[in-house]
N, C-alpha and C. Protein backbone atom coordinates (compact mmCIF):
# COMPACT_ATOMS: atom_id res chain seq x y z
N MET A 1 -29.98 23.40 5.54
CA MET A 1 -30.44 23.50 6.93
C MET A 1 -30.76 24.95 7.28
N ARG A 2 -29.85 25.86 6.87
CA ARG A 2 -30.09 27.28 7.16
C ARG A 2 -31.34 27.79 6.46
N ARG A 3 -31.55 27.33 5.21
CA ARG A 3 -32.75 27.74 4.47
C ARG A 3 -34.00 27.23 5.19
N HIS A 4 -33.92 26.02 5.72
CA HIS A 4 -35.07 25.44 6.43
C HIS A 4 -35.39 26.25 7.68
N VAL A 5 -34.35 26.61 8.43
CA VAL A 5 -34.55 27.42 9.65
C VAL A 5 -35.12 28.78 9.29
N ALA A 6 -34.56 29.41 8.25
CA ALA A 6 -35.04 30.73 7.83
C ALA A 6 -36.50 30.67 7.43
N ARG A 7 -36.85 29.56 6.73
CA ARG A 7 -38.25 29.40 6.30
C ARG A 7 -39.17 29.27 7.51
N LEU A 8 -38.74 28.52 8.51
CA LEU A 8 -39.55 28.37 9.73
C LEU A 8 -39.71 29.69 10.46
N VAL A 9 -38.62 30.47 10.53
CA VAL A 9 -38.69 31.78 11.18
C VAL A 9 -39.67 32.68 10.45
N THR A 10 -39.59 32.66 9.11
CA THR A 10 -40.50 33.48 8.31
C THR A 10 -41.95 33.10 8.55
N ILE A 11 -42.21 31.79 8.58
CA ILE A 11 -43.57 31.31 8.84
C ILE A 11 -44.02 31.74 10.22
N GLY A 12 -43.11 31.66 11.21
CA GLY A 12 -43.45 32.07 12.57
C GLY A 12 -43.81 33.53 12.66
N VAL A 13 -43.07 34.37 11.96
CA VAL A 13 -43.37 35.81 11.95
C VAL A 13 -44.72 36.07 11.31
N LEU A 14 -45.01 35.38 10.21
CA LEU A 14 -46.29 35.57 9.52
C LEU A 14 -47.46 35.15 10.41
N VAL A 15 -47.28 34.02 11.10
CA VAL A 15 -48.34 33.56 11.99
C VAL A 15 -48.55 34.53 13.13
N ALA A 16 -47.43 35.01 13.72
CA ALA A 16 -47.55 35.95 14.83
C ALA A 16 -48.21 37.24 14.39
N THR A 17 -47.81 37.72 13.19
CA THR A 17 -48.42 38.95 12.67
C THR A 17 -49.89 38.75 12.37
N ALA A 18 -50.23 37.63 11.78
CA ALA A 18 -51.63 37.35 11.45
C ALA A 18 -52.48 37.27 12.69
N GLY A 19 -51.87 36.92 13.81
CA GLY A 19 -52.63 36.81 15.06
C GLY A 19 -53.30 38.09 15.46
N TRP A 20 -52.72 39.22 15.02
CA TRP A 20 -53.34 40.51 15.34
C TRP A 20 -54.68 40.68 14.64
N PHE A 21 -54.86 39.95 13.53
CA PHE A 21 -56.05 40.15 12.72
C PHE A 21 -56.99 38.94 12.74
N TRP A 22 -56.50 37.84 13.23
CA TRP A 22 -57.28 36.61 13.19
C TRP A 22 -58.04 36.42 14.48
N THR A 23 -59.32 36.16 14.38
CA THR A 23 -60.15 35.90 15.54
C THR A 23 -60.52 34.42 15.54
N PRO A 24 -60.22 33.71 16.63
CA PRO A 24 -60.54 32.28 16.68
C PRO A 24 -62.01 32.04 16.39
N ALA A 25 -62.30 30.91 15.76
CA ALA A 25 -63.68 30.56 15.43
C ALA A 25 -64.53 30.55 16.69
N GLY A 26 -65.66 31.22 16.65
CA GLY A 26 -66.56 31.25 17.79
C GLY A 26 -66.33 32.38 18.76
N ALA A 27 -65.16 33.09 18.66
CA ALA A 27 -64.89 34.21 19.56
C ALA A 27 -65.69 35.43 19.11
N ALA A 28 -66.30 36.11 20.06
CA ALA A 28 -67.13 37.27 19.74
C ALA A 28 -66.36 38.56 20.00
N THR A 29 -66.57 39.54 19.14
CA THR A 29 -65.98 40.85 19.36
C THR A 29 -66.90 41.68 20.25
N ILE A 30 -66.40 42.84 20.67
CA ILE A 30 -67.23 43.73 21.49
C ILE A 30 -68.45 44.19 20.71
N ILE A 31 -68.34 44.26 19.39
CA ILE A 31 -69.50 44.64 18.57
C ILE A 31 -70.56 43.56 18.63
N ASP A 32 -70.11 42.30 18.55
CA ASP A 32 -71.05 41.19 18.64
C ASP A 32 -71.75 41.14 20.00
N GLU A 33 -70.99 41.53 21.04
CA GLU A 33 -71.50 41.44 22.41
C GLU A 33 -72.13 42.74 22.91
N TRP A 34 -72.28 43.69 22.02
CA TRP A 34 -72.70 45.04 22.43
C TRP A 34 -73.98 45.01 23.28
N ALA A 35 -74.96 44.29 22.81
CA ALA A 35 -76.25 44.27 23.52
C ALA A 35 -76.17 43.55 24.85
N ASN A 36 -75.12 42.75 25.04
CA ASN A 36 -75.00 41.97 26.28
C ASN A 36 -74.11 42.65 27.32
N THR A 37 -73.53 43.80 26.94
CA THR A 37 -72.61 44.48 27.85
C THR A 37 -73.36 45.23 28.93
N LYS A 38 -73.00 44.98 30.17
CA LYS A 38 -73.64 45.65 31.29
C LYS A 38 -72.84 46.88 31.68
N ALA A 39 -73.52 47.97 31.91
CA ALA A 39 -72.84 49.21 32.29
C ALA A 39 -72.12 49.05 33.63
N GLU A 40 -70.97 49.68 33.74
CA GLU A 40 -70.22 49.69 34.99
C GLU A 40 -70.95 50.56 36.02
N PRO A 41 -70.70 50.33 37.31
CA PRO A 41 -71.28 51.22 38.32
C PRO A 41 -70.83 52.66 38.08
N PRO A 42 -71.66 53.64 38.40
CA PRO A 42 -71.27 55.03 38.15
C PRO A 42 -70.11 55.45 39.04
N PRO A 43 -69.22 56.30 38.53
CA PRO A 43 -68.13 56.81 39.35
C PRO A 43 -68.67 57.66 40.50
N MET A 44 -67.92 57.72 41.57
CA MET A 44 -68.32 58.52 42.72
C MET A 44 -67.99 59.99 42.48
N LEU A 45 -68.95 60.86 42.74
CA LEU A 45 -68.70 62.29 42.67
C LEU A 45 -68.15 62.77 44.01
N LYS A 46 -67.17 63.66 43.94
CA LYS A 46 -66.50 64.09 45.16
C LYS A 46 -66.52 65.61 45.27
N PRO A 47 -66.67 66.14 46.47
CA PRO A 47 -66.57 67.59 46.64
C PRO A 47 -65.12 68.03 46.47
N ALA A 48 -64.94 69.28 46.15
CA ALA A 48 -63.58 69.81 45.99
C ALA A 48 -63.56 71.26 46.42
N THR A 49 -62.46 71.65 47.02
CA THR A 49 -62.22 73.05 47.38
C THR A 49 -61.07 73.56 46.53
N VAL A 50 -61.28 74.67 45.86
CA VAL A 50 -60.27 75.19 44.94
C VAL A 50 -59.78 76.56 45.40
N ASP A 51 -58.54 76.84 45.06
CA ASP A 51 -57.94 78.15 45.30
C ASP A 51 -58.08 78.97 44.03
N PRO A 52 -58.86 80.04 44.03
CA PRO A 52 -59.06 80.82 42.81
C PRO A 52 -57.76 81.35 42.20
N LYS A 53 -56.73 81.54 43.02
CA LYS A 53 -55.47 82.07 42.51
C LYS A 53 -54.71 81.07 41.66
N THR A 54 -54.93 79.79 41.90
CA THR A 54 -54.18 78.76 41.17
C THR A 54 -55.09 77.87 40.33
N THR A 55 -56.32 78.33 40.11
CA THR A 55 -57.31 77.54 39.36
C THR A 55 -57.82 78.33 38.17
N ALA A 56 -58.00 77.65 37.07
CA ALA A 56 -58.60 78.26 35.88
C ALA A 56 -59.86 77.49 35.49
N LEU A 57 -60.87 78.23 35.11
CA LEU A 57 -62.10 77.64 34.58
C LEU A 57 -62.03 77.74 33.06
N ILE A 58 -62.10 76.60 32.38
CA ILE A 58 -62.05 76.58 30.92
C ILE A 58 -63.41 76.15 30.39
N VAL A 59 -64.07 77.04 29.69
CA VAL A 59 -65.42 76.79 29.16
C VAL A 59 -65.30 76.59 27.66
N MET A 60 -65.69 75.42 27.19
CA MET A 60 -65.32 75.00 25.84
C MET A 60 -66.49 74.84 24.88
N ASP A 61 -66.43 75.63 23.81
CA ASP A 61 -67.22 75.39 22.60
C ASP A 61 -68.73 75.48 22.79
N LEU A 62 -69.16 76.35 23.66
CA LEU A 62 -70.60 76.53 23.87
C LEU A 62 -71.12 77.57 22.88
N VAL A 63 -71.26 77.13 21.64
CA VAL A 63 -71.65 78.02 20.54
C VAL A 63 -72.98 77.55 19.94
N ASN A 64 -73.57 78.44 19.19
CA ASN A 64 -74.89 78.15 18.60
C ASN A 64 -74.91 76.88 17.76
N GLY A 65 -73.84 76.63 17.01
CA GLY A 65 -73.84 75.51 16.09
C GLY A 65 -73.79 74.15 16.75
N SER A 66 -73.26 74.08 17.97
CA SER A 66 -73.14 72.77 18.63
C SER A 66 -73.98 72.65 19.89
N CYS A 67 -74.40 73.76 20.44
CA CYS A 67 -75.20 73.73 21.67
C CYS A 67 -76.58 74.30 21.37
N ASN A 68 -77.42 73.44 20.83
CA ASN A 68 -78.78 73.86 20.48
C ASN A 68 -79.74 72.70 20.72
N GLN A 69 -81.02 72.99 20.67
CA GLN A 69 -82.03 71.99 20.99
C GLN A 69 -82.05 70.84 19.99
N GLN A 70 -81.69 71.09 18.76
CA GLN A 70 -81.73 70.04 17.76
C GLN A 70 -80.55 69.08 17.90
N ARG A 71 -79.38 69.60 18.13
CA ARG A 71 -78.18 68.76 18.16
C ARG A 71 -77.86 68.24 19.55
N ARG A 72 -77.87 69.14 20.54
CA ARG A 72 -77.50 68.74 21.90
C ARG A 72 -78.40 69.45 22.92
N PRO A 73 -79.62 68.99 23.10
CA PRO A 73 -80.49 69.62 24.08
C PRO A 73 -79.93 69.53 25.50
N ARG A 74 -79.12 68.51 25.77
CA ARG A 74 -78.52 68.40 27.10
C ARG A 74 -77.51 69.53 27.34
N CYS A 75 -76.90 69.99 26.27
CA CYS A 75 -76.00 71.13 26.38
C CYS A 75 -76.78 72.39 26.75
N VAL A 76 -77.88 72.60 26.07
CA VAL A 76 -78.72 73.78 26.36
C VAL A 76 -79.16 73.76 27.82
N ALA A 77 -79.51 72.58 28.32
CA ALA A 77 -79.96 72.47 29.71
C ALA A 77 -78.86 72.78 30.71
N SER A 78 -77.60 72.65 30.29
CA SER A 78 -76.48 72.89 31.21
C SER A 78 -76.05 74.34 31.29
N ILE A 79 -76.52 75.17 30.37
CA ILE A 79 -76.00 76.54 30.25
C ILE A 79 -76.23 77.38 31.51
N SER A 80 -77.40 77.32 32.09
CA SER A 80 -77.66 78.15 33.26
C SER A 80 -76.75 77.78 34.42
N THR A 81 -76.48 76.48 34.59
CA THR A 81 -75.60 76.04 35.68
C THR A 81 -74.17 76.49 35.44
N ILE A 82 -73.70 76.36 34.20
CA ILE A 82 -72.35 76.82 33.87
C ILE A 82 -72.23 78.32 34.04
N SER A 83 -73.23 79.05 33.54
CA SER A 83 -73.22 80.50 33.64
C SER A 83 -73.17 80.97 35.10
N LYS A 84 -73.93 80.31 35.95
CA LYS A 84 -73.93 80.67 37.37
C LYS A 84 -72.54 80.49 37.98
N PHE A 85 -71.89 79.36 37.66
CA PHE A 85 -70.57 79.13 38.22
C PHE A 85 -69.54 80.10 37.64
N MET A 86 -69.68 80.46 36.38
CA MET A 86 -68.78 81.45 35.80
C MET A 86 -68.85 82.76 36.58
N GLY A 87 -70.05 83.16 36.96
CA GLY A 87 -70.22 84.37 37.76
C GLY A 87 -69.53 84.25 39.12
N GLN A 88 -69.67 83.09 39.75
CA GLN A 88 -69.03 82.86 41.04
C GLN A 88 -67.51 82.88 40.91
N ALA A 89 -67.02 82.24 39.85
CA ALA A 89 -65.57 82.20 39.63
C ALA A 89 -65.01 83.59 39.39
N ARG A 90 -65.69 84.38 38.58
CA ARG A 90 -65.24 85.74 38.31
C ARG A 90 -65.23 86.58 39.57
N ALA A 91 -66.23 86.40 40.40
CA ALA A 91 -66.32 87.17 41.65
C ALA A 91 -65.15 86.86 42.57
N LYS A 92 -64.60 85.65 42.45
CA LYS A 92 -63.46 85.25 43.27
C LYS A 92 -62.12 85.56 42.61
N GLY A 93 -62.17 86.15 41.42
CA GLY A 93 -60.95 86.50 40.72
C GLY A 93 -60.30 85.34 39.98
N MET A 94 -61.05 84.28 39.71
CA MET A 94 -60.49 83.12 39.01
C MET A 94 -60.27 83.43 37.54
N LEU A 95 -59.23 82.85 36.98
CA LEU A 95 -58.96 82.97 35.56
C LEU A 95 -60.02 82.19 34.78
N VAL A 96 -60.68 82.84 33.84
CA VAL A 96 -61.71 82.21 33.01
C VAL A 96 -61.26 82.24 31.56
N ILE A 97 -61.23 81.07 30.94
CA ILE A 97 -60.81 80.94 29.54
C ILE A 97 -61.96 80.35 28.74
N THR A 98 -62.23 80.91 27.58
CA THR A 98 -63.29 80.42 26.70
C THR A 98 -62.67 79.94 25.40
N THR A 99 -63.17 78.81 24.88
CA THR A 99 -62.67 78.31 23.60
C THR A 99 -63.79 78.19 22.59
N VAL A 100 -63.39 78.30 21.33
CA VAL A 100 -64.30 78.09 20.20
C VAL A 100 -63.59 77.19 19.20
N ALA A 101 -64.24 76.11 18.82
CA ALA A 101 -63.61 75.15 17.92
C ALA A 101 -63.83 75.52 16.45
N GLY A 102 -62.94 75.00 15.61
CA GLY A 102 -63.12 75.14 14.17
C GLY A 102 -63.06 76.57 13.68
N THR A 103 -64.01 76.88 12.81
CA THR A 103 -64.01 78.19 12.17
C THR A 103 -64.90 79.20 12.90
N GLY A 104 -65.47 78.80 14.02
CA GLY A 104 -66.35 79.71 14.76
C GLY A 104 -65.59 80.86 15.38
N GLY A 105 -66.34 81.87 15.79
CA GLY A 105 -65.75 83.04 16.42
C GLY A 105 -66.52 83.44 17.66
N VAL A 106 -66.08 84.51 18.28
CA VAL A 106 -66.70 85.00 19.51
C VAL A 106 -68.19 85.27 19.34
N PRO A 107 -68.67 85.82 18.21
CA PRO A 107 -70.10 86.07 18.06
C PRO A 107 -70.96 84.81 18.12
N ASP A 108 -70.33 83.63 17.91
CA ASP A 108 -71.09 82.39 17.93
C ASP A 108 -71.34 81.86 19.34
N ILE A 109 -70.62 82.39 20.33
CA ILE A 109 -70.75 81.91 21.71
C ILE A 109 -72.11 82.30 22.27
N LEU A 110 -72.75 81.38 22.97
CA LEU A 110 -74.05 81.67 23.57
C LEU A 110 -73.92 82.83 24.56
N PRO A 111 -74.83 83.78 24.52
CA PRO A 111 -74.71 84.99 25.34
C PRO A 111 -74.52 84.73 26.83
N ASP A 112 -75.20 83.74 27.39
CA ASP A 112 -75.12 83.50 28.83
C ASP A 112 -73.75 83.03 29.30
N VAL A 113 -72.95 82.52 28.37
CA VAL A 113 -71.62 82.04 28.75
C VAL A 113 -70.52 82.76 27.96
N ALA A 114 -70.85 83.93 27.45
CA ALA A 114 -69.89 84.69 26.65
C ALA A 114 -68.78 85.24 27.55
N PRO A 115 -67.57 85.37 27.01
CA PRO A 115 -66.47 85.92 27.80
C PRO A 115 -66.67 87.40 28.11
N LYS A 116 -66.10 87.83 29.20
CA LYS A 116 -66.12 89.25 29.57
C LYS A 116 -64.88 89.94 28.98
N ALA A 117 -64.93 91.24 28.95
CA ALA A 117 -63.79 92.01 28.42
C ALA A 117 -62.53 91.67 29.20
N GLY A 118 -61.46 91.42 28.46
CA GLY A 118 -60.17 91.14 29.08
C GLY A 118 -59.91 89.67 29.33
N GLU A 119 -60.92 88.83 29.19
CA GLU A 119 -60.72 87.41 29.41
C GLU A 119 -60.09 86.75 28.17
N THR A 120 -59.42 85.65 28.39
CA THR A 120 -58.72 84.94 27.33
C THR A 120 -59.68 84.09 26.50
N ILE A 121 -59.53 84.17 25.18
CA ILE A 121 -60.36 83.39 24.26
C ILE A 121 -59.44 82.65 23.31
N LEU A 122 -59.66 81.36 23.16
CA LEU A 122 -58.92 80.55 22.20
C LEU A 122 -59.86 80.17 21.08
N THR A 123 -59.54 80.57 19.86
CA THR A 123 -60.38 80.24 18.70
C THR A 123 -59.64 79.29 17.77
N GLY A 124 -60.40 78.67 16.89
CA GLY A 124 -59.80 77.75 15.92
C GLY A 124 -59.24 76.49 16.55
N THR A 125 -59.79 76.09 17.68
CA THR A 125 -59.24 74.96 18.41
C THR A 125 -59.80 73.63 17.91
N VAL A 126 -59.13 72.55 18.32
CA VAL A 126 -59.63 71.19 18.08
C VAL A 126 -60.12 70.64 19.41
N ALA A 127 -60.47 69.35 19.45
CA ALA A 127 -61.03 68.79 20.68
C ALA A 127 -60.08 68.91 21.86
N ASN A 128 -58.80 68.64 21.64
CA ASN A 128 -57.79 68.82 22.68
C ASN A 128 -57.32 70.26 22.66
N LYS A 129 -57.67 71.04 23.65
CA LYS A 129 -57.40 72.47 23.63
C LYS A 129 -55.94 72.82 23.84
N PHE A 130 -55.12 71.82 24.14
CA PHE A 130 -53.68 72.06 24.26
C PHE A 130 -52.97 71.95 22.91
N ILE A 131 -53.66 71.38 21.92
CA ILE A 131 -53.05 71.19 20.61
C ILE A 131 -53.14 72.48 19.80
N ARG A 132 -52.02 72.88 19.24
CA ARG A 132 -51.91 74.07 18.39
C ARG A 132 -52.35 75.35 19.09
N THR A 133 -52.21 75.39 20.42
CA THR A 133 -52.46 76.62 21.19
C THR A 133 -51.32 76.78 22.19
N ASN A 134 -51.29 77.91 22.85
CA ASN A 134 -50.28 78.15 23.90
C ASN A 134 -50.87 77.94 25.28
N LEU A 135 -51.93 77.12 25.36
CA LEU A 135 -52.66 76.96 26.62
C LEU A 135 -51.76 76.48 27.76
N GLU A 136 -50.94 75.49 27.51
CA GLU A 136 -50.09 74.97 28.58
C GLU A 136 -49.18 76.07 29.14
N ASN A 137 -48.49 76.77 28.27
CA ASN A 137 -47.59 77.83 28.72
C ASN A 137 -48.35 78.94 29.41
N PHE A 138 -49.53 79.26 28.89
CA PHE A 138 -50.34 80.33 29.48
C PHE A 138 -50.75 79.97 30.91
N LEU A 139 -51.14 78.72 31.12
CA LEU A 139 -51.54 78.29 32.46
C LEU A 139 -50.35 78.34 33.42
N HIS A 140 -49.22 77.85 32.97
CA HIS A 140 -48.03 77.87 33.82
C HIS A 140 -47.62 79.32 34.14
N TYR A 141 -47.68 80.19 33.14
CA TYR A 141 -47.30 81.59 33.33
C TYR A 141 -48.16 82.26 34.40
N ASN A 142 -49.42 81.86 34.48
CA ASN A 142 -50.34 82.44 35.45
C ASN A 142 -50.39 81.68 36.77
N GLY A 143 -49.49 80.72 36.95
CA GLY A 143 -49.42 80.00 38.21
C GLY A 143 -50.56 79.02 38.43
N ILE A 144 -51.17 78.55 37.34
CA ILE A 144 -52.32 77.65 37.45
C ILE A 144 -51.85 76.21 37.65
N THR A 145 -52.39 75.57 38.66
CA THR A 145 -52.10 74.15 38.91
C THR A 145 -53.36 73.28 38.79
N THR A 146 -54.53 73.91 38.75
CA THR A 146 -55.80 73.18 38.69
C THR A 146 -56.68 73.77 37.60
N VAL A 147 -57.30 72.91 36.82
CA VAL A 147 -58.25 73.39 35.80
C VAL A 147 -59.61 72.75 36.03
N ILE A 148 -60.64 73.58 35.92
CA ILE A 148 -62.02 73.12 35.94
C ILE A 148 -62.52 73.17 34.51
N LEU A 149 -63.02 72.06 34.00
CA LEU A 149 -63.41 71.98 32.59
C LEU A 149 -64.92 71.82 32.45
N ALA A 150 -65.48 72.63 31.56
CA ALA A 150 -66.90 72.53 31.25
C ALA A 150 -67.09 72.78 29.77
N GLY A 151 -68.16 72.21 29.21
CA GLY A 151 -68.45 72.49 27.81
C GLY A 151 -68.96 71.28 27.07
N THR A 152 -68.90 71.39 25.75
CA THR A 152 -69.38 70.34 24.87
C THR A 152 -68.41 70.20 23.71
N SER A 153 -68.21 69.01 23.20
CA SER A 153 -68.91 67.82 23.65
C SER A 153 -68.12 67.10 24.73
N ALA A 154 -68.84 66.35 25.56
CA ALA A 154 -68.18 65.59 26.61
C ALA A 154 -67.17 64.62 26.02
N HIS A 155 -67.54 63.94 24.91
CA HIS A 155 -66.67 62.94 24.31
C HIS A 155 -65.67 63.56 23.34
N GLY A 156 -65.61 64.86 23.29
CA GLY A 156 -64.63 65.56 22.47
C GLY A 156 -63.79 66.47 23.35
N ALA A 157 -64.19 67.72 23.45
CA ALA A 157 -63.40 68.71 24.17
C ALA A 157 -63.14 68.34 25.62
N VAL A 158 -64.16 67.88 26.32
CA VAL A 158 -63.98 67.58 27.75
C VAL A 158 -63.05 66.39 27.94
N LEU A 159 -63.31 65.29 27.24
CA LEU A 159 -62.50 64.09 27.41
C LEU A 159 -61.04 64.32 27.06
N TYR A 160 -60.78 64.91 25.90
CA TYR A 160 -59.40 65.02 25.43
C TYR A 160 -58.63 66.13 26.12
N THR A 161 -59.29 67.22 26.45
CA THR A 161 -58.60 68.29 27.18
C THR A 161 -58.32 67.86 28.61
N ALA A 162 -59.28 67.18 29.24
CA ALA A 162 -59.06 66.68 30.59
C ALA A 162 -57.93 65.68 30.63
N SER A 163 -57.91 64.76 29.68
CA SER A 163 -56.85 63.74 29.64
C SER A 163 -55.49 64.38 29.44
N GLU A 164 -55.39 65.32 28.51
CA GLU A 164 -54.11 65.98 28.26
C GLU A 164 -53.66 66.77 29.48
N ALA A 165 -54.59 67.47 30.11
CA ALA A 165 -54.24 68.23 31.31
C ALA A 165 -53.72 67.30 32.41
N ALA A 166 -54.35 66.15 32.54
CA ALA A 166 -53.90 65.18 33.55
C ALA A 166 -52.50 64.67 33.23
N PHE A 167 -52.24 64.36 31.97
CA PHE A 167 -50.91 63.89 31.58
C PHE A 167 -49.85 64.97 31.80
N LEU A 168 -50.27 66.23 31.71
CA LEU A 168 -49.35 67.35 31.96
C LEU A 168 -49.23 67.68 33.45
N LYS A 169 -49.89 66.86 34.28
CA LYS A 169 -49.81 66.96 35.73
C LYS A 169 -50.57 68.13 36.34
N PHE A 170 -51.54 68.67 35.60
CA PHE A 170 -52.47 69.60 36.23
C PHE A 170 -53.48 68.79 37.04
N ASN A 171 -54.00 69.36 38.09
CA ASN A 171 -55.15 68.78 38.78
C ASN A 171 -56.38 69.11 37.94
N VAL A 172 -57.18 68.11 37.66
CA VAL A 172 -58.31 68.28 36.75
C VAL A 172 -59.62 68.07 37.51
N ILE A 173 -60.53 69.02 37.36
CA ILE A 173 -61.87 68.91 37.96
C ILE A 173 -62.90 68.99 36.85
N VAL A 174 -63.77 67.98 36.79
CA VAL A 174 -64.81 67.94 35.76
C VAL A 174 -66.18 67.83 36.43
N PRO A 175 -66.93 68.93 36.46
CA PRO A 175 -68.33 68.84 36.94
C PRO A 175 -69.18 68.14 35.87
N VAL A 176 -69.77 67.03 36.23
CA VAL A 176 -70.50 66.26 35.23
C VAL A 176 -71.76 66.97 34.74
N ASP A 177 -72.25 67.94 35.51
CA ASP A 177 -73.42 68.69 35.06
C ASP A 177 -73.03 69.82 34.11
N GLY A 178 -71.76 69.87 33.75
CA GLY A 178 -71.32 70.86 32.77
C GLY A 178 -70.62 70.23 31.58
N ALA A 179 -70.72 68.90 31.45
CA ALA A 179 -70.07 68.18 30.35
C ALA A 179 -71.14 67.46 29.56
N SER A 180 -71.56 68.03 28.45
CA SER A 180 -72.73 67.53 27.73
C SER A 180 -72.36 66.88 26.40
N ALA A 181 -73.25 66.00 25.96
CA ALA A 181 -73.10 65.34 24.66
C ALA A 181 -74.49 65.16 24.05
N GLU A 182 -74.53 64.43 22.94
CA GLU A 182 -75.81 64.21 22.28
C GLU A 182 -76.72 63.27 23.07
N ASN A 183 -76.11 62.42 23.90
CA ASN A 183 -76.92 61.44 24.62
C ASN A 183 -76.23 61.04 25.91
N LEU A 184 -76.97 60.32 26.75
CA LEU A 184 -76.46 59.89 28.05
C LEU A 184 -75.30 58.93 27.92
N PHE A 185 -75.34 58.03 26.93
CA PHE A 185 -74.29 57.03 26.79
C PHE A 185 -72.92 57.69 26.65
N ALA A 186 -72.83 58.71 25.81
CA ALA A 186 -71.55 59.40 25.60
C ALA A 186 -71.07 60.04 26.89
N GLU A 187 -71.96 60.67 27.62
CA GLU A 187 -71.58 61.32 28.88
C GLU A 187 -71.14 60.30 29.92
N GLN A 188 -71.85 59.18 29.98
CA GLN A 188 -71.48 58.12 30.91
C GLN A 188 -70.11 57.54 30.56
N ALA A 189 -69.88 57.31 29.29
CA ALA A 189 -68.59 56.76 28.86
C ALA A 189 -67.44 57.67 29.25
N VAL A 190 -67.63 58.96 29.06
CA VAL A 190 -66.58 59.92 29.40
C VAL A 190 -66.33 59.95 30.91
N ALA A 191 -67.40 59.96 31.69
CA ALA A 191 -67.24 59.95 33.14
C ALA A 191 -66.48 58.71 33.59
N TRP A 192 -66.82 57.56 33.01
CA TRP A 192 -66.14 56.31 33.39
C TRP A 192 -64.67 56.35 33.00
N LEU A 193 -64.38 56.83 31.81
CA LEU A 193 -63.00 56.89 31.35
C LEU A 193 -62.17 57.84 32.22
N LEU A 194 -62.70 59.00 32.53
CA LEU A 194 -61.95 59.95 33.35
C LEU A 194 -61.70 59.41 34.76
N ALA A 195 -62.62 58.59 35.24
CA ALA A 195 -62.48 58.03 36.59
C ALA A 195 -61.62 56.78 36.64
N ASN A 196 -61.32 56.19 35.48
CA ASN A 196 -60.65 54.90 35.48
C ASN A 196 -59.40 54.80 34.60
N SER A 197 -59.19 55.72 33.70
CA SER A 197 -58.06 55.61 32.78
C SER A 197 -56.72 55.82 33.48
N PRO A 198 -55.74 54.95 33.25
CA PRO A 198 -54.42 55.11 33.86
C PRO A 198 -53.79 56.45 33.49
N GLY A 199 -53.22 57.11 34.48
CA GLY A 199 -52.58 58.39 34.24
C GLY A 199 -53.53 59.57 34.22
N VAL A 200 -54.82 59.29 34.11
CA VAL A 200 -55.84 60.34 34.08
C VAL A 200 -56.64 60.34 35.37
N ALA A 201 -57.08 59.16 35.78
CA ALA A 201 -57.91 59.05 36.98
C ALA A 201 -57.21 59.62 38.22
N GLN A 202 -55.89 59.43 38.30
CA GLN A 202 -55.15 59.88 39.47
C GLN A 202 -55.13 61.40 39.60
N GLN A 203 -55.34 62.09 38.50
CA GLN A 203 -55.28 63.56 38.50
C GLN A 203 -56.67 64.20 38.43
N THR A 204 -57.71 63.38 38.31
CA THR A 204 -59.03 63.91 37.97
C THR A 204 -60.04 63.72 39.10
N THR A 205 -60.82 64.76 39.35
CA THR A 205 -61.93 64.70 40.29
C THR A 205 -63.23 64.94 39.54
N LEU A 206 -64.13 63.98 39.60
CA LEU A 206 -65.48 64.16 39.06
C LEU A 206 -66.36 64.73 40.15
N THR A 207 -67.16 65.72 39.80
CA THR A 207 -67.96 66.40 40.81
C THR A 207 -69.18 67.03 40.16
N LYS A 208 -69.87 67.89 40.89
CA LYS A 208 -70.93 68.76 40.35
C LYS A 208 -70.59 70.19 40.75
N PHE A 209 -71.14 71.14 40.05
CA PHE A 209 -70.81 72.53 40.35
C PHE A 209 -71.16 72.92 41.78
N ASP A 210 -72.29 72.40 42.30
CA ASP A 210 -72.67 72.78 43.65
C ASP A 210 -71.87 72.05 44.73
N MET A 211 -70.93 71.18 44.32
CA MET A 211 -70.04 70.52 45.25
C MET A 211 -68.67 71.17 45.30
N LEU A 212 -68.51 72.27 44.53
CA LEU A 212 -67.24 73.00 44.49
C LEU A 212 -67.29 74.18 45.47
N LYS A 213 -66.24 74.32 46.23
CA LYS A 213 -66.13 75.41 47.20
C LYS A 213 -64.84 76.20 46.92
N PHE A 214 -64.88 77.47 47.32
CA PHE A 214 -63.69 78.32 47.13
C PHE A 214 -63.00 78.52 48.48
């Protein structure tokens, strides 16, 4: 009797485990339904007023290798807007941080968005700028409670740094005209995720640079 019960339990576990991998006959996956998926309504952009003393602008990975006409022309188109806001932020005394991913260095940063003398630069970073850096401690040390994120790629540095910052309870501001990718779909996906993901949406404001006030 005990062997029979044990055998039934074993079969039950196998069936339950297999359920994770088994798709009922006729059920379609998201890949099968890809062409039939309708885009969600766009998230609402909101104005925001920031305190330069408690806000940091983080400009991510705007380097020659990733922000060029061949790979990301939308990134190139965003540079003048980002550069203009960097000037406004500096004039207000805001903390400006620049990052470079991978093996790149400061010389690779596009001239219009290059850091000024004395500004903080994080090199050798991954998509999440809090990983393997002292960024969290540095922000806390400087009394920062809000971060404004700009850069490329939207589905890399912007998405993962924004999400991590939100989970760490920073107020996160993402101007969509400063978050670029290879195509519109990637940028739309990131905007939707930041506006709707649990634990992230509550801390995040989607906006445009010209909707930000000091």
